[in-house]
Protein backbone atom coordinates (compact mmCIF):
# COMPACT_ATOMS: atom_id res chain seq x y z
CA MET A 1 19.60 -4.67 -4.48
CA SER A 2 15.82 -5.17 -4.64
CA ASP A 3 15.17 -2.34 -2.18
CA GLY A 4 16.99 0.20 -4.36
CA THR A 5 19.99 0.62 -2.04
CA LYS A 6 23.16 1.76 -3.83
CA PHE A 7 26.67 0.92 -2.72
CA ILE A 8 30.19 2.25 -3.15
CA SER A 9 33.37 0.48 -2.14
CA GLU A 10 35.24 1.17 1.09
CA GLU A 11 38.09 2.53 -1.05
CA GLU A 12 35.79 5.06 -2.71
CA PHE A 13 34.36 6.10 0.65
CA SER A 14 37.78 6.47 2.28
CA GLY A 15 38.50 10.12 2.96
CA ARG A 16 34.83 11.06 2.63
CA GLU A 17 33.79 10.34 6.21
CA ASP A 18 32.36 13.87 6.38
CA TYR A 19 29.50 12.44 4.31
CA SER A 20 28.70 9.74 6.87
CA LEU A 21 25.30 9.71 8.52
CA ALA A 22 24.87 9.55 12.27
CA THR A 23 21.94 8.78 14.53
CA GLU A 24 19.47 11.71 14.67
CA ASP A 25 20.75 13.35 11.50
CA VAL A 26 17.88 14.86 9.54
CA LEU A 27 17.89 14.16 5.79
CA PHE A 28 16.12 16.61 3.47
CA ASN A 29 15.51 15.71 -0.19
CA ASN A 30 16.82 18.81 -1.99
CA THR A 31 16.41 17.64 -5.61
CA ASN A 32 13.60 15.60 -7.11
CA SER A 33 10.30 16.04 -8.89
CA VAL A 34 8.39 19.06 -7.61
CA ASP A 35 6.05 16.67 -5.75
CA LEU A 36 8.87 14.96 -3.85
CA VAL A 37 11.38 17.73 -3.20
CA GLY A 38 11.37 18.49 0.53
CA LYS A 39 10.53 14.98 1.70
CA THR A 40 12.35 14.52 5.01
CA CYS A 41 13.39 11.70 7.32
CA LEU A 42 15.30 11.10 10.54
CA ILE A 43 18.19 8.65 10.90
CA GLU A 44 16.93 6.67 13.90
CA HIS A 45 19.59 3.98 14.26
CA PRO A 46 23.35 3.69 13.73
CA ILE A 47 24.08 2.96 10.08
CA ARG A 48 27.19 2.69 7.94
CA CYS A 49 25.97 4.97 5.24
CA GLY A 50 26.64 8.13 3.25
CA PHE A 51 24.30 10.41 1.32
CA SER A 52 24.15 11.76 -2.22
CA ASN A 53 24.15 15.35 -3.42
CA HIS A 54 20.37 15.12 -3.81
CA MET A 55 20.13 15.14 -0.03
CA THR A 56 20.88 17.83 2.54
CA ARG A 57 22.04 16.64 5.94
CA ILE A 58 20.90 18.75 8.88
CA ARG A 59 22.48 18.55 12.33
CA VAL A 60 20.73 20.69 14.90
CA ILE A 61 22.03 22.62 17.88
CA ARG A 62 20.68 20.35 20.59
CA ASP A 63 20.23 23.15 23.12
CA PHE A 64 17.58 24.69 20.85
CA CYS A 65 16.08 21.94 18.75
CA GLU A 66 15.07 18.29 19.07
CA PRO A 67 16.07 16.44 15.85
CA ARG A 68 12.90 14.35 15.81
CA PHE A 69 10.80 17.48 16.12
CA LEU A 70 12.59 19.11 13.19
CA ALA A 71 12.15 16.01 11.01
CA LEU A 72 8.42 15.92 11.81
CA ILE A 73 7.94 19.62 11.00
CA LEU A 74 9.93 19.55 7.74
CA HIS A 75 8.19 16.40 6.56
CA ASP A 76 4.82 17.93 7.37
CA ALA A 77 5.81 21.10 5.48
CA TRP A 78 6.52 18.87 2.47
CA ARG A 79 3.14 17.13 2.84
CA LYS A 80 1.44 20.53 2.97
CA GLY A 81 3.21 21.58 -0.26
CA MET A 82 5.18 24.40 1.35
CA PHE A 83 8.30 23.70 -0.72
CA ARG A 84 6.58 23.66 -4.11
CA SER A 85 6.56 27.45 -4.47
CA ARG A 86 10.06 27.80 -3.03
CA ALA A 87 11.67 25.27 -5.34
CA THR A 88 13.74 26.23 -8.35
CA ARG A 89 12.42 24.29 -11.34
CA TRP A 90 13.88 22.90 -14.53
CA VAL A 91 12.75 20.17 -16.91
CA GLY A 92 11.31 17.33 -14.82
CA GLN A 93 13.15 18.43 -11.68
CA ALA A 94 12.94 20.88 -8.80
CA GLY A 95 15.40 21.87 -6.11
CA ILE A 96 15.76 23.64 -2.76
CA ASN A 97 19.33 24.84 -2.23
CA THR A 98 20.99 25.17 1.16
CA MET A 99 20.50 28.95 1.31
CA SER A 100 16.78 28.68 0.60
CA LEU A 101 16.38 25.90 3.15
CA SER A 102 18.28 27.81 5.82
CA LYS A 103 15.84 30.75 5.42
CA PHE A 104 12.76 28.55 5.70
CA GLU A 105 10.98 29.50 8.92
CA ILE A 106 9.44 26.89 11.20
CA PRO A 107 7.60 27.17 14.52
CA LEU A 108 10.02 26.39 17.35
CA PRO A 109 8.48 26.03 20.80
CA PRO A 110 10.70 25.61 23.87
CA LEU A 111 12.85 22.48 23.87
CA ARG A 112 10.81 20.87 26.64
CA MET A 113 7.62 21.32 24.62
CA GLN A 114 9.30 19.96 21.47
CA LYS A 115 10.15 16.78 23.36
CA GLU A 116 6.61 16.52 24.72
CA ILE A 117 5.19 16.87 21.19
CA VAL A 118 7.55 14.20 19.88
CA ALA A 119 6.64 11.85 22.75
CA GLU A 120 2.93 12.41 22.13
CA ILE A 121 3.25 11.68 18.39
CA GLU A 122 5.44 8.62 19.00
CA SER A 123 2.83 7.21 21.40
CA TYR A 124 0.21 7.61 18.68
CA GLN A 125 2.55 6.02 16.14
CA LYS A 126 3.00 2.94 18.31
CA VAL A 127 -0.76 2.39 18.25
CA ILE A 128 -0.76 2.85 14.46
CA ASP A 129 2.14 0.42 14.01
CA GLY A 130 0.42 -2.21 16.13
CA ALA A 131 -2.86 -1.83 14.23
CA ARG A 132 -1.08 -1.95 10.88
CA ALA A 133 0.68 -5.15 11.93
CA VAL A 134 -2.75 -6.74 12.44
CA ILE A 135 -3.99 -5.44 9.07
CA ASP A 136 -0.87 -6.46 7.16
CA ASN A 137 -0.49 -9.91 8.71
CA TYR A 138 -4.09 -11.07 8.84
CA ARG A 139 -4.85 -13.90 6.46
CA PRO A 140 -7.93 -16.10 6.73
CA HIS A 141 -6.96 -19.52 8.06
CA ILE A 142 -9.07 -22.52 7.18
CA SER A 143 -8.41 -25.76 9.05
CA ILE A 144 -8.62 -28.42 6.36
CA ASP A 145 -10.37 -31.68 7.08
CA PRO A 146 -8.61 -34.43 5.07
CA GLU A 147 -12.04 -35.94 4.40
CA TRP A 148 -13.10 -32.94 2.32
CA PRO A 149 -13.05 -33.64 -1.43
CA MET A 150 -10.57 -31.80 -3.63
CA VAL A 151 -12.24 -29.97 -6.52
CA GLU A 152 -10.71 -28.14 -9.46
CA LEU A 153 -11.59 -24.44 -9.55
CA GLY A 154 -12.85 -24.79 -13.11
CA ASP A 155 -15.49 -27.30 -11.94
CA ILE A 156 -17.16 -24.80 -9.60
CA CYS A 157 -17.17 -21.83 -12.00
CA ASP A 158 -19.71 -21.03 -14.67
CA GLN A 159 -17.52 -18.24 -16.08
CA ILE A 160 -13.76 -17.63 -16.16
CA GLN A 161 -12.83 -14.52 -18.10
CA TYR A 162 -9.92 -12.19 -18.82
CA GLY A 163 -10.59 -8.48 -18.35
CA LEU A 164 -10.49 -5.48 -20.65
CA SER A 165 -7.38 -4.42 -22.53
CA LYS A 166 -8.24 -0.78 -23.23
CA PRO A 167 -6.68 2.64 -22.46
CA LEU A 168 -7.57 4.00 -19.03
CA ASN A 169 -8.17 7.58 -17.93
CA THR A 170 -8.39 9.67 -14.77
CA GLU A 171 -10.99 12.09 -16.16
CA ASN A 172 -13.99 10.04 -14.93
CA ILE A 173 -14.89 9.20 -18.54
CA GLY A 174 -16.60 5.85 -18.96
CA TYR A 175 -16.78 3.12 -16.33
CA LYS A 176 -14.69 2.48 -13.22
CA ILE A 177 -12.24 -0.36 -13.75
CA PHE A 178 -10.64 -2.57 -11.12
CA ARG A 179 -6.89 -3.13 -11.26
CA MET A 180 -4.57 -5.17 -9.05
CA SER A 181 -4.02 -2.22 -6.70
CA GLU A 182 -7.71 -2.20 -5.78
CA LEU A 183 -7.63 -5.80 -4.57
CA VAL A 184 -6.98 -5.15 -0.88
CA ASN A 185 -6.94 -7.80 1.85
CA GLY A 186 -9.19 -10.12 -0.11
CA VAL A 187 -11.80 -7.60 -1.24
CA CYS A 188 -12.32 -5.31 -4.24
CA LEU A 189 -12.02 -1.86 -2.72
CA ASP A 190 -12.99 1.49 -4.25
CA GLU A 191 -11.16 4.14 -2.21
CA GLY A 192 -12.07 6.99 -4.56
CA SER A 193 -9.01 7.03 -6.82
CA MET A 194 -9.99 4.45 -9.43
CA LYS A 195 -9.29 4.83 -13.13
CA TYR A 196 -11.95 4.73 -15.83
CA CYS A 197 -12.33 2.96 -19.15
CA ASN A 198 -14.24 4.74 -21.92
CA ILE A 199 -16.15 1.94 -23.65
CA SER A 200 -19.62 1.46 -25.06
CA TYR A 201 -22.44 0.17 -22.90
CA GLU A 202 -22.55 -3.00 -24.98
CA GLU A 203 -18.88 -3.72 -24.32
CA PHE A 204 -19.22 -2.78 -20.67
CA GLU A 205 -21.97 -5.38 -20.27
CA LYS A 206 -19.46 -8.09 -21.28
CA TYR A 207 -17.13 -7.09 -18.44
CA ARG A 208 -19.60 -5.82 -15.84
CA LEU A 209 -18.81 -7.10 -12.36
CA TYR A 210 -21.54 -8.71 -10.29
CA ARG A 211 -21.63 -9.27 -6.54
CA SER A 212 -19.67 -12.39 -5.52
CA ASP A 213 -17.44 -12.32 -8.61
CA ILE A 214 -13.84 -13.15 -7.66
CA LEU A 215 -10.93 -11.32 -9.32
CA PHE A 216 -7.53 -13.02 -9.58
CA ASN A 217 -4.37 -11.13 -10.55
CA ARG A 218 -2.76 -13.27 -13.24
CA THR A 219 0.19 -11.02 -14.25
CA ASN A 220 2.49 -9.01 -12.00
CA SER A 221 5.66 -9.40 -9.96
CA ILE A 222 5.96 -12.77 -8.25
CA ASP A 223 5.03 -11.09 -4.96
CA HIS A 224 1.74 -9.74 -6.31
CA VAL A 225 0.71 -12.34 -8.87
CA GLY A 226 -2.14 -14.38 -7.42
CA ARG A 227 -3.61 -11.53 -5.40
CA THR A 228 -7.32 -12.20 -5.11
CA GLY A 229 -10.39 -10.22 -4.06
CA ILE A 230 -14.15 -10.64 -4.05
CA PHE A 231 -16.44 -7.99 -5.53
CA ASN A 232 -19.24 -7.08 -3.11
CA ILE A 233 -20.11 -3.41 -3.64
CA GLU A 234 -22.84 -1.46 -5.44
CA GLY A 235 -22.12 0.33 -8.70
CA ASP A 236 -21.05 -0.09 -12.30
CA TYR A 237 -17.55 -1.58 -12.46
CA CYS A 238 -15.48 -3.60 -14.93
CA PHE A 239 -11.99 -5.11 -14.66
CA ALA A 240 -8.61 -4.87 -16.37
CA SER A 241 -6.97 -7.42 -18.67
CA TYR A 242 -4.42 -8.75 -16.21
CA LEU A 243 -7.23 -9.86 -13.91
CA ILE A 244 -9.29 -13.03 -14.28
CA ARG A 245 -12.95 -13.10 -13.24
CA LEU A 246 -14.24 -16.29 -11.59
CA SER A 247 -18.01 -16.59 -11.27
CA ILE A 248 -18.82 -19.35 -8.79
CA ILE A 249 -21.77 -21.73 -9.29
CA ALA A 250 -23.95 -20.91 -6.29
CA ASN A 251 -25.16 -24.44 -5.54
CA ARG A 252 -21.63 -25.85 -5.76
CA ALA A 253 -19.65 -23.47 -3.57
CA ASP A 254 -19.91 -20.30 -1.48
CA PRO A 255 -17.94 -17.57 -3.35
CA PHE A 256 -16.81 -16.08 -0.03
CA PHE A 257 -15.40 -19.43 1.05
CA VAL A 258 -13.58 -19.84 -2.27
CA ASN A 259 -12.20 -16.31 -2.01
CA ALA A 260 -11.08 -16.91 1.58
CA TYR A 261 -9.25 -20.09 0.58
CA MET A 262 -7.65 -18.35 -2.42
CA ASN A 263 -6.31 -15.71 0.00
CA SER A 264 -4.85 -18.31 2.35
CA LYS A 265 -1.10 -18.84 2.60
CA SER A 266 -1.53 -22.42 1.41
CA PHE A 267 -3.27 -21.45 -1.83
CA GLN A 268 -1.00 -18.49 -2.53
CA ALA A 269 2.14 -20.59 -2.09
CA GLY A 270 0.72 -23.40 -4.19
CA ILE A 271 -0.58 -21.37 -7.13
CA LYS A 272 2.66 -19.39 -7.44
CA GLN A 273 4.43 -22.65 -8.30
CA PHE A 274 2.61 -22.55 -11.63
CA ALA A 275 3.76 -19.03 -12.48
CA SER A 276 5.86 -18.62 -15.61
CA ARG A 277 8.49 -15.91 -15.18
CA ALA A 278 10.01 -13.24 -17.36
CA ILE A 279 12.10 -10.21 -16.45
CA GLY A 280 10.34 -8.59 -13.49
CA GLN A 281 7.04 -10.35 -14.25
CA ALA A 282 5.23 -13.57 -13.47
CA ASN A 283 2.12 -14.99 -15.11
CA ILE A 284 -0.43 -17.64 -14.13
CA ASN A 285 -2.64 -18.66 -17.03
CA THR A 286 -6.26 -19.77 -16.88
CA LYS A 287 -5.36 -23.41 -17.50
CA SER A 288 -3.17 -23.51 -14.40
CA LEU A 289 -5.78 -21.65 -12.37
CA THR A 290 -8.82 -23.66 -13.42
CA SER A 291 -7.06 -27.00 -12.95
CA TYR A 292 -5.86 -26.08 -9.44
CA SER A 293 -7.70 -28.14 -6.83
CA ILE A 294 -9.04 -26.74 -3.58
CA PRO A 295 -10.67 -28.52 -0.60
CA LEU A 296 -14.45 -28.14 -0.71
CA PRO A 297 -16.52 -29.07 2.34
CA PRO A 298 -20.34 -29.22 2.26
CA LEU A 299 -22.06 -25.85 1.72
CA ASP A 300 -23.23 -25.54 5.34
CA VAL A 301 -19.65 -26.00 6.54
CA GLN A 302 -18.41 -23.44 4.00
CA ARG A 303 -20.94 -20.91 5.25
CA ARG A 304 -20.01 -21.50 8.88
CA ILE A 305 -16.34 -20.91 8.04
CA VAL A 306 -17.26 -17.77 6.11
CA ALA A 307 -19.22 -16.45 9.11
CA GLU A 308 -16.19 -16.95 11.37
CA ILE A 309 -13.91 -15.18 8.89
CA GLN A 310 -16.34 -12.28 8.60
CA GLU A 311 -16.21 -11.83 12.38
CA GLU A 312 -12.41 -11.79 12.18
CA ARG A 313 -12.58 -9.21 9.40
CA LYS A 314 -14.65 -6.94 11.64
CA LEU A 315 -11.72 -6.89 14.07
CA VAL A 316 -9.32 -6.15 11.21
CA ASP A 317 -11.57 -3.33 10.02
CA ALA A 318 -11.62 -1.94 13.57
CA ASN A 319 -7.83 -1.78 13.43
CA ARG A 320 -8.07 0.04 10.11
CA GLU A 321 -10.35 2.62 11.74
CA LEU A 322 -7.89 2.88 14.62
CA VAL A 323 -5.12 3.76 12.16
CA GLU A 324 -7.26 6.51 10.62
CA ARG A 325 -8.18 7.96 14.02
CA PHE A 326 -4.61 8.07 15.30
CA GLU A 327 -3.24 9.44 12.03
CA THR A 328 -5.76 12.25 12.49
CA LYS A 329 -4.51 12.77 16.06
CA ILE A 330 -0.94 13.06 14.79
CA GLN A 331 -1.92 15.55 12.12
CA ARG A 332 -3.90 17.67 14.58
CA THR A 333 -0.94 17.75 16.93
CA ILE A 334 1.42 18.90 14.18
CA ASP A 335 -1.14 21.41 12.84
CA SER A 336 -1.38 22.96 16.30
CA VAL A 337 2.38 23.61 16.21
CA TRP A 338 1.90 25.60 13.00
CA GLY A 339 -0.98 27.44 14.68
CA GLU A 340 -3.67 25.59 12.71
CA GLY A 341 -6.81 24.12 14.21
CA GLY A 342 -6.55 25.67 17.66
CA SER A 343 -4.29 24.95 20.62
CA ARG A 344 -3.14 21.52 21.75
C-alpha cells in the first residue's frame, strides 16, 4: 500500500481480537528512534485494525480521564522531548516500556475541565483545518481566451539551466541552495532550514538566482515532479541539480504570469504526460519542458491577471497567518495545563 499500511489475513488475526483497536483508544509509540519514541495518537473512528508490539494501547478509566485529553497531553510531552531522557537506548533505537510509561506523571484536572480543554482545542483545530484547506487547495486559475497565441516555453526564455550537483551541508558553510521542498505554493520560500553548498564564488555566480527566475522540479515522484516556484527574495541563493532555472525574456512575457500558469492544474496535468518513469521516480527533461506550449496573451493582459492572482495570494497568506495564530493558541492552552505560561 502506498500509505504504508500493513495487512495480515483474517486467519492470522483470528484469536487475537485482544489486539483490536477501538474508538478512543490511545496509541503510544513505545519503540522507535529517540526522536519519535513517545509520539501519540487517538483512535477517533471505528476501524478494523490491530497494533504492533512497537505500540502501547492505553484505555483510560472514563470516570477519571478523557481519552482525547490524555492523547493531547502525551503527544505534547513527546513534542517537548520529555520521553528522550526516560527512554532506554540501543543502536539506532529507543524504547519506553509499559512500567516506565505507567509511572510517567501528567497533570490531571477534574474531568469536567479536561472536557472543556479538549473542546477549546478542537474549536481551534477546526479553524486551522479550514484555513489549511484553503492553503492546500488554492491554485491560480487563468481563464484562457482561445484567441491567445500558443508559445513554446523555450521561445520566451533567455536561459534554461540545470542546477548544481554538489554535496550539501547543514553547517551554514557556503551558499544557501534551493531544493524541491522549498518550492511552496508557487514561490521559492526560505523558512530558515535551508541547506548550504560549499562552492567557490566563481561557481556560485554561474548558479546565482535572480529575482523573477522560475525553478521547475524535473526529477521526483510523479506527484512532485513539475512543482514550480518563482524566486522573489533578497539574498545569495543557488539551486540544486534536479531543478531547472527558467529566465524569462522581460519584453516577451511576465515571469509571474508564466509561473502562475505553470502552477495551474492544466499545465501540471499536461507536463506530467511527458514524464519518463523509473522505480519511484519520474523525470521531465529540458527538451520536453522547453517545447511545451503555453497560452500567452498581450503583456498588459498578463499583468492584469498577475495582479488578480496576487490579491488572491494575500487571502491565502492571511489563512497561513491564521494557522500560525491558532496553533499558538492550542500550544498555550496545553502549556497552561502543565503549569507553563500562566493560567488559562
